[in-house]
């Protein structure tokens, strides 16, 4: 184990520690290091097994509270995963989405600049905007960023995230790193509508819910858009490569060519690119294998329009293929998990967790 991971004096603040990515990161920190964790979130149902861990302190709060922000910024490393990030909310709650993804993280950045903390801020691949079907690799420091019109409230999330990136980059004395996730998937992702959440989750949980309930998988606008899917376990490995580089004594001043500071990183797996229609096909096949049934017994996909499914103001990006050269060059990191393994891990967990909740209104999810 690297010496910095053995340093029990380090406490990492993880904002959003009870969420999908945060819960996996928390488990990994406690398993791979001697660090302590200060965790902040609004609920902790994914991390019940960690609530009594002597190396953890948890607070039920969010970044809207200035005193909470100041408390978080006292720690040397701050990871901000908190966000409203479900597509259905981009249209219905644009002002709240913007406050969540700009106002609150900007306040945290101010506090970290004042305290000297290293802020690792999770942004989104959506900052690349309205990309076309023939878009090439998305490169962190080169690709032009183009968004849809103001009337397409679909872009409320992406523009807020991009503004936060620009705000962070402009702050003097802030040590920062931005992470741009490309469709992280795996166990504990999102929710099942009507059981432990409302609205429409992201595509993998959306398709998983339909499969468990025996409903058709809805292909928005035919499912021709392409996405690259990344294992959450690869994402956690990226974070440890980042921690190692950032805590090894590198700085902007003494090793600008290798420093992880003042950098935005794509974190994705370009080898796992599929159309959404292809994703539906793969998920039906894997679900049939998990359940030991004939794939033809599972309802086939149905096409719906974006506005019909998500509501007025829907717009889309047709392809998001990440360049991952920077993470490999600066951090020695490259995602390894193939898409069929990623999907099987995710679906196996989802089927097991929700096996007794096949209809909306069920009292509780199985454990």
Foldseek 3Di string as FASTA:
>chain_A
DDPVQADQVAEEEEECLQADLNVVLVVCSVVRGNYAYEYEEQDRPSVPVCPPPPRYHYDNDHLVDLVVLLVNLLGQEYEYPWADDFQLCLVVPLVVRLCRLAVRVLSSLVNNLVNVHEYEYEFALCLQEAADQPDDADEFPDRDRDYDDPQQSSCSNNVSSVVNLVSNLPDPSHWYEYEYEFAEFFFRHDDQDQAPDHDAGDQLNNLLLCQLLLHARECAVNQQAKGFYAYSVLVSVLVVLLVCQAPVPDDCPPCVPQHNTSYYAYDTALQRMDGRLVVSVLLLVLSCVLVVHDSVSRDYHDYDYPCVRSNGSHDDHRYHRHDRVVSCVRRVGDGDDHPSVRSNRRSVNSCVFAVPPSDRNPHHTRD
